Amino acid sequence: MASDKLAVDTDRLPTAELVALFATLECPPIEEMDGEYAARLLTQPDLLATVAGLFSVGNPLLPWLAKAFRPVDAESGRGYNTFRQFGRVVQRYPMITRIAPSRFDGLPAYHLIYGAFHSLCGDIHMVDEVRRVSPGVYLGIGTWGFTDGQRAKPLPFLLEATGAAYRGDIGRRRSGFVVSPREIPALEGDRR
């Protein structure tokens, strides 16, 4: 099955097919997600999402390079995104990570929760979900928004292991932040 998934040209699949592929993939364990992963957007669901992606992570003045993660313990981790800014690699948009049910199919996914930190991604309630396509290759589905409808729009991306190490934690935590059903809908009634 994994060899079939490797043959899929994710760059050409429409968003609906990427979400369908995501539903067939396995969730990586926390300890697997350790280091830096080259990142790129895949086909977005509509023109607005495509334009927003081009301006936010496709910006030639601040191109998106990677996401990076490190396990904190058996149940959680930390992470950030890297960009190139004036020839320098910079870290932005810290997140916490954990395994939780996917908003798309209820099965386990590796979640990147930005709201735990002060940043633009935290302010817009961004949450990414990641599953393994093959060793070192991961399909991600991002979401953001202020309403349930906005947060239901899937924004696909691909991650590929680079072998580079995690550069170190960044960010300032939001006081009193608790992962809620806004970030992970399946937590309704579970206020961990």
C-alpha atoms as a PDB file:
ATOM      1  CA  MET A   1       0.000   0.000   0.000  1.00  0.00           C
ATOM      2  CA  ALA A   2       2.813   2.473   0.851  1.00  0.00           C
ATOM      3  CA  SER A   3       4.395   1.999  -2.600  1.00  0.00           C
ATOM      4  CA  ASP A   4       1.033   2.920  -4.204  1.00  0.00           C
ATOM      5  CA  LYS A   5       0.924   6.079  -2.109  1.00  0.00           C
ATOM      6  CA  LEU A   6       4.474   6.967  -3.157  1.00  0.00           C
ATOM      7  CA  ALA A   7       3.393   6.804  -6.788  1.00  0.00           C
ATOM      8  CA  VAL A   8       0.657   9.403  -6.201  1.00  0.00           C
ATOM      9  CA  ASP A   9       1.630  12.794  -7.593  1.00  0.00           C
ATOM     10  CA  THR A  10       0.344  14.893  -4.711  1.00  0.00           C
ATOM     11  CA  ASP A  11       1.267  18.129  -6.512  1.00  0.00           C
ATOM     12  CA  ARG A  12      -1.409  17.492  -9.143  1.00  0.00           C
ATOM     13  CA  LEU A  13      -4.256  16.160  -7.003  1.00  0.00           C
ATOM     14  CA  PRO A  14      -7.235  18.429  -6.326  1.00  0.00           C
ATOM     15  CA  THR A  15      -7.909  19.276  -2.696  1.00  0.00           C
ATOM     16  CA  ALA A  16     -10.818  16.802  -2.370  1.00  0.00           C
ATOM     17  CA  GLU A  17      -8.565  13.944  -3.506  1.00  0.00           C
ATOM     18  CA  LEU A  18      -5.812  15.041  -1.110  1.00  0.00           C
ATOM     19  CA  VAL A  19      -8.321  14.948   1.763  1.00  0.00           C
ATOM     20  CA  ALA A  20      -9.442  11.483   0.598  1.00  0.00           C
ATOM     21  CA  LEU A  21      -5.797  10.346   0.496  1.00  0.00           C
ATOM     22  CA  PHE A  22      -5.255  11.827   3.979  1.00  0.00           C
ATOM     23  CA  ALA A  23      -8.063   9.586   5.282  1.00  0.00           C
ATOM     24  CA  THR A  24      -6.118   6.485   4.168  1.00  0.00           C
ATOM     25  CA  LEU A  25      -2.859   7.455   5.889  1.00  0.00           C
ATOM     26  CA  GLU A  26      -1.502   6.619   9.331  1.00  0.00           C
ATOM     27  CA  CYS A  27      -0.703   9.050  12.085  1.00  0.00           C
ATOM     28  CA  PRO A  28       2.999   9.248  12.952  1.00  0.00           C
ATOM     29  CA  PRO A  29       3.815   8.869  16.645  1.00  0.00           C
ATOM     30  CA  ILE A  30       5.098  11.896  18.564  1.00  0.00           C
ATOM     31  CA  GLU A  31       8.654  10.500  18.682  1.00  0.00           C
ATOM     32  CA  GLU A  32       8.808  10.122  14.879  1.00  0.00           C
ATOM     33  CA  MET A  33       8.327  13.836  14.294  1.00  0.00           C
ATOM     34  CA  ASP A  34      11.766  15.098  15.264  1.00  0.00           C
ATOM     35  CA  GLY A  35      13.787  17.537  13.154  1.00  0.00           C
ATOM     36  CA  GLU A  36      13.132  19.763  10.177  1.00  0.00           C
ATOM     37  CA  TYR A  37      10.793  18.961   7.263  1.00  0.00           C
ATOM     38  CA  ALA A  38      10.842  20.856   3.958  1.00  0.00           C
ATOM     39  CA  ALA A  39       7.374  22.263   3.354  1.00  0.00           C
ATOM     40  CA  ARG A  40       5.325  23.255   0.340  1.00  0.00           C
ATOM     41  CA  LEU A  41       1.702  24.023  -0.377  1.00  0.00           C
ATOM     42  CA  LEU A  42      -0.311  21.644  -2.521  1.00  0.00           C
ATOM     43  CA  THR A  43      -3.462  22.405  -4.540  1.00  0.00           C
ATOM     44  CA  GLN A  44      -5.687  24.721  -2.516  1.00  0.00           C
ATOM     45  CA  PRO A  45      -9.498  24.416  -2.455  1.00  0.00           C
ATOM     46  CA  ASP A  46     -10.329  27.722  -4.161  1.00  0.00           C
ATOM     47  CA  LEU A  47      -8.911  30.930  -5.605  1.00  0.00           C
ATOM     48  CA  LEU A  48      -9.042  32.807  -2.296  1.00  0.00           C
ATOM     49  CA  ALA A  49      -7.060  30.079  -0.497  1.00  0.00           C
ATOM     50  CA  THR A  50      -4.567  29.930  -3.395  1.00  0.00           C
ATOM     51  CA  VAL A  51      -3.979  33.694  -3.273  1.00  0.00           C
ATOM     52  CA  ALA A  52      -3.751  33.696   0.537  1.00  0.00           C
ATOM     53  CA  GLY A  53      -1.204  30.862   0.349  1.00  0.00           C
ATOM     54  CA  LEU A  54       0.882  32.729  -2.206  1.00  0.00           C
ATOM     55  CA  PHE A  55       0.986  35.837  -0.036  1.00  0.00           C
ATOM     56  CA  SER A  56       1.564  34.055   3.279  1.00  0.00           C
ATOM     57  CA  VAL A  57       3.994  31.227   2.512  1.00  0.00           C
ATOM     58  CA  GLY A  58       4.766  31.719  -1.193  1.00  0.00           C
ATOM     59  CA  ASN A  59       5.954  35.279  -0.705  1.00  0.00           C
ATOM     60  CA  PRO A  60       9.318  35.627  -2.510  1.00  0.00           C
ATOM     61  CA  LEU A  61      10.456  38.147   0.135  1.00  0.00           C
ATOM     62  CA  LEU A  62       9.826  35.660   2.945  1.00  0.00           C
ATOM     63  CA  PRO A  63       9.562  32.149   1.420  1.00  0.00           C
ATOM     64  CA  TRP A  64       8.380  29.277   3.592  1.00  0.00           C
ATOM     65  CA  LEU A  65      11.090  26.644   3.920  1.00  0.00           C
ATOM     66  CA  ALA A  66      10.085  24.105   6.524  1.00  0.00           C
ATOM     67  CA  LYS A  67       8.310  23.033   9.658  1.00  0.00           C
ATOM     68  CA  ALA A  68      10.302  21.562  12.519  1.00  0.00           C
ATOM     69  CA  PHE A  69       9.297  19.493  15.532  1.00  0.00           C
ATOM     70  CA  ARG A  70      10.656  17.911  18.677  1.00  0.00           C
ATOM     71  CA  PRO A  71       8.996  15.533  21.130  1.00  0.00           C
ATOM     72  CA  VAL A  72       8.580  16.944  24.643  1.00  0.00           C
ATOM     73  CA  ASP A  73       7.225  13.724  26.148  1.00  0.00           C
ATOM     74  CA  ALA A  74       5.283  10.666  24.986  1.00  0.00           C
ATOM     75  CA  GLU A  75       2.129  12.744  24.399  1.00  0.00           C
ATOM     76  CA  SER A  76       3.248  16.158  23.184  1.00  0.00           C
ATOM     77  CA  GLY A  77       5.852  18.166  21.359  1.00  0.00           C
ATOM     78  CA  ARG A  78       6.900  21.599  20.173  1.00  0.00           C
ATOM     79  CA  GLY A  79       7.492  23.086  16.754  1.00  0.00           C
ATOM     80  CA  TYR A  80       7.877  26.119  14.524  1.00  0.00           C
ATOM     81  CA  ASN A  81       7.999  27.137  10.856  1.00  0.00           C
ATOM     82  CA  THR A  82      11.128  28.396   9.107  1.00  0.00           C
ATOM     83  CA  PHE A  83      11.346  31.089   6.447  1.00  0.00           C
ATOM     84  CA  ARG A  84      14.142  32.761   4.525  1.00  0.00           C
ATOM     85  CA  GLN A  85      14.342  36.482   5.269  1.00  0.00           C
ATOM     86  CA  PHE A  86      17.033  38.570   3.562  1.00  0.00           C
ATOM     87  CA  GLY A  87      19.268  35.516   3.172  1.00  0.00           C
ATOM     88  CA  ARG A  88      18.842  34.368   6.773  1.00  0.00           C
ATOM     89  CA  VAL A  89      16.789  31.429   8.012  1.00  0.00           C
ATOM     90  CA  VAL A  90      14.335  32.566  10.698  1.00  0.00           C
ATOM     91  CA  GLN A  91      11.884  30.684  12.875  1.00  0.00           C
ATOM     92  CA  ARG A  92       8.300  31.890  13.211  1.00  0.00           C
ATOM     93  CA  TYR A  93       4.876  30.677  14.306  1.00  0.00           C
ATOM     94  CA  PRO A  94       5.575  28.315  17.214  1.00  0.00           C
ATOM     95  CA  MET A  95       3.163  25.521  18.028  1.00  0.00           C
ATOM     96  CA  ILE A  96       2.518  22.663  20.404  1.00  0.00           C
ATOM     97  CA  THR A  97       1.951  19.205  18.963  1.00  0.00           C
ATOM     98  CA  ARG A  98      -0.121  16.234  20.065  1.00  0.00           C
ATOM     99  CA  ILE A  99      -1.975  13.241  18.685  1.00  0.00           C
ATOM    100  CA  ALA A 100      -5.744  13.772  18.528  1.00  0.00           C
ATOM    101  CA  PRO A 101      -8.749  12.869  16.371  1.00  0.00           C
ATOM    102  CA  SER A 102      -8.819  14.553  12.969  1.00  0.00           C
ATOM    103  CA  ARG A 103     -11.542  17.091  12.261  1.00  0.00           C
ATOM    104  CA  PHE A 104     -11.903  15.443   8.833  1.00  0.00           C
ATOM    105  CA  ASP A 105     -12.422  11.780   9.730  1.00  0.00           C
ATOM    106  CA  GLY A 106     -12.109  11.361  13.520  1.00  0.00           C
ATOM    107  CA  LEU A 107      -9.051   9.111  13.228  1.00  0.00           C
ATOM    108  CA  PRO A 108      -5.723   9.949  14.932  1.00  0.00           C
ATOM    109  CA  ALA A 109      -3.610  12.698  13.369  1.00  0.00           C
ATOM    110  CA  TYR A 110      -0.501  14.568  14.480  1.00  0.00           C
ATOM    111  CA  HIS A 111      -1.821  18.047  15.328  1.00  0.00           C
ATOM    112  CA  LEU A 112       0.076  21.338  15.233  1.00  0.00           C
ATOM    113  CA  ILE A 113      -1.747  23.794  17.482  1.00  0.00           C
ATOM    114  CA  TYR A 114      -0.616  27.405  17.074  1.00  0.00           C
ATOM    115  CA  GLY A 115      -3.018  29.021  19.555  1.00  0.00           C
ATOM    116  CA  ALA A 116      -0.806  28.074  22.498  1.00  0.00           C
ATOM    117  CA  PHE A 117       1.590  30.893  21.503  1.00  0.00           C
ATOM    118  CA  HIS A 118       1.349  34.576  20.670  1.00  0.00           C
ATOM    119  CA  SER A 119       1.655  34.826  16.871  1.00  0.00           C
ATOM    120  CA  LEU A 120      -0.414  35.600  13.796  1.00  0.00           C
ATOM    121  CA  CYS A 121      -1.080  31.859  13.314  1.00  0.00           C
ATOM    122  CA  GLY A 122      -2.274  31.618  16.916  1.00  0.00           C
ATOM    123  CA  ASP A 123      -4.459  34.702  16.493  1.00  0.00           C
ATOM    124  CA  ILE A 124      -6.271  33.148  13.503  1.00  0.00           C
ATOM    125  CA  HIS A 125      -6.752  29.798  15.291  1.00  0.00           C
ATOM    126  CA  MET A 126      -4.551  27.816  12.895  1.00  0.00           C
ATOM    127  CA  VAL A 127      -4.347  24.055  13.412  1.00  0.00           C
ATOM    128  CA  ASP A 128      -2.563  21.654  11.067  1.00  0.00           C
ATOM    129  CA  GLU A 129      -3.010  17.887  10.939  1.00  0.00           C
ATOM    130  CA  VAL A 130      -0.302  15.566   9.611  1.00  0.00           C
ATOM    131  CA  ARG A 131      -0.195  11.904   8.528  1.00  0.00           C
ATOM    132  CA  ARG A 132       2.568   9.764   7.012  1.00  0.00           C
ATOM    133  CA  VAL A 133       2.540   9.069   3.253  1.00  0.00           C
ATOM    134  CA  SER A 134       5.796   7.068   3.349  1.00  0.00           C
ATOM    135  CA  PRO A 135       8.967   7.156   5.493  1.00  0.00           C
ATOM    136  CA  GLY A 136       9.970  10.814   5.766  1.00  0.00           C
ATOM    137  CA  VAL A 137       7.046  12.113   3.655  1.00  0.00           C
ATOM    138  CA  TYR A 138       3.902  13.553   5.261  1.00  0.00           C
ATOM    139  CA  LEU A 139       0.646  15.007   4.020  1.00  0.00           C
ATOM    140  CA  GLY A 140      -0.674  17.887   6.063  1.00  0.00           C
ATOM    141  CA  ILE A 141      -4.071  19.558   6.094  1.00  0.00           C
ATOM    142  CA  GLY A 142      -4.125  23.041   7.573  1.00  0.00           C
ATOM    143  CA  THR A 143      -7.127  24.934   8.873  1.00  0.00           C
ATOM    144  CA  TRP A 144      -7.698  28.385  10.288  1.00  0.00           C
ATOM    145  CA  GLY A 145     -10.578  30.721  10.972  1.00  0.00           C
ATOM    146  CA  PHE A 146     -12.947  32.269  13.451  1.00  0.00           C
ATOM    147  CA  THR A 147     -16.021  30.154  12.689  1.00  0.00           C
ATOM    148  CA  ASP A 148     -16.615  26.422  12.351  1.00  0.00           C
ATOM    149  CA  GLY A 149     -17.249  26.929   8.631  1.00  0.00           C
ATOM    150  CA  GLN A 150     -13.932  28.720   8.086  1.00  0.00           C
ATOM    151  CA  ARG A 151     -12.080  26.061  10.086  1.00  0.00           C
ATOM    152  CA  ALA A 152     -13.614  23.263   7.978  1.00  0.00           C
ATOM    153  CA  LYS A 153     -11.802  24.376   4.789  1.00  0.00           C
ATOM    154  CA  PRO A 154      -8.830  22.017   4.157  1.00  0.00           C
ATOM    155  CA  LEU A 155      -5.536  23.644   3.121  1.00  0.00           C
ATOM    156  CA  PRO A 156      -3.158  20.829   2.013  1.00  0.00           C
ATOM    157  CA  PHE A 157       0.639  20.871   2.229  1.00  0.00           C
ATOM    158  CA  LEU A 158       3.477  18.364   1.985  1.00  0.00           C
ATOM    159  CA  LEU A 159       6.381  17.818   4.395  1.00  0.00           C
ATOM    160  CA  GLU A 160       9.585  15.935   3.574  1.00  0.00           C
ATOM    161  CA  ALA A 161      12.289  15.080   6.103  1.00  0.00           C
ATOM    162  CA  THR A 162      15.533  16.977   5.514  1.00  0.00           C
ATOM    163  CA  GLY A 163      17.736  15.377   8.158  1.00  0.00           C
ATOM    164  CA  ALA A 164      18.300  18.832   9.695  1.00  0.00           C
ATOM    165  CA  ALA A 165      17.990  19.127  13.449  1.00  0.00           C
ATOM    166  CA  TYR A 166      15.399  21.118  15.372  1.00  0.00           C
ATOM    167  CA  ARG A 167      16.900  24.585  15.944  1.00  0.00           C
ATOM    168  CA  GLY A 168      15.387  25.306  19.366  1.00  0.00           C
ATOM    169  CA  ASP A 169      12.117  26.411  20.932  1.00  0.00           C
ATOM    170  CA  ILE A 170      10.753  29.867  20.177  1.00  0.00           C
ATOM    171  CA  GLY A 171       7.722  31.892  21.170  1.00  0.00           C
ATOM    172  CA  ARG A 172       5.859  33.280  24.124  1.00  0.00           C
ATOM    173  CA  ARG A 173       3.081  31.084  25.531  1.00  0.00           C
ATOM    174  CA  ARG A 174      -0.469  32.400  25.872  1.00  0.00           C
ATOM    175  CA  SER A 175      -1.383  32.495  29.538  1.00  0.00           C
ATOM    176  CA  GLY A 176      -4.203  30.074  30.354  1.00  0.00           C
ATOM    177  CA  PHE A 177      -4.393  28.528  26.870  1.00  0.00           C
ATOM    178  CA  VAL A 178      -6.182  25.165  26.855  1.00  0.00           C
ATOM    179  CA  VAL A 179      -6.700  23.039  23.746  1.00  0.00           C
ATOM    180  CA  SER A 180     -10.450  23.157  23.119  1.00  0.00           C
ATOM    181  CA  PRO A 181     -13.023  21.934  20.578  1.00  0.00           C
ATOM    182  CA  ARG A 182     -12.229  25.071  18.529  1.00  0.00           C
ATOM    183  CA  GLU A 183      -8.822  23.514  17.788  1.00  0.00           C
ATOM    184  CA  ILE A 184      -9.877  19.857  17.880  1.00  0.00           C
ATOM    185  CA  PRO A 185     -13.668  19.401  17.456  1.00  0.00           C
ATOM    186  CA  ALA A 186     -13.606  15.819  18.797  1.00  0.00           C
ATOM    187  CA  LEU A 187     -12.641  17.211  22.214  1.00  0.00           C
ATOM    188  CA  GLU A 188     -16.207  18.463  22.775  1.00  0.00           C
ATOM    189  CA  GLY A 189     -16.797  17.681  26.425  1.00  0.00           C
ATOM    190  CA  ASP A 190     -13.093  16.771  26.930  1.00  0.00           C
ATOM    191  CA  ARG A 191     -11.485  20.000  28.173  1.00  0.00           C
ATOM    192  CA  ARG A 192      -7.927  18.665  28.638  1.00  0.00           C
END
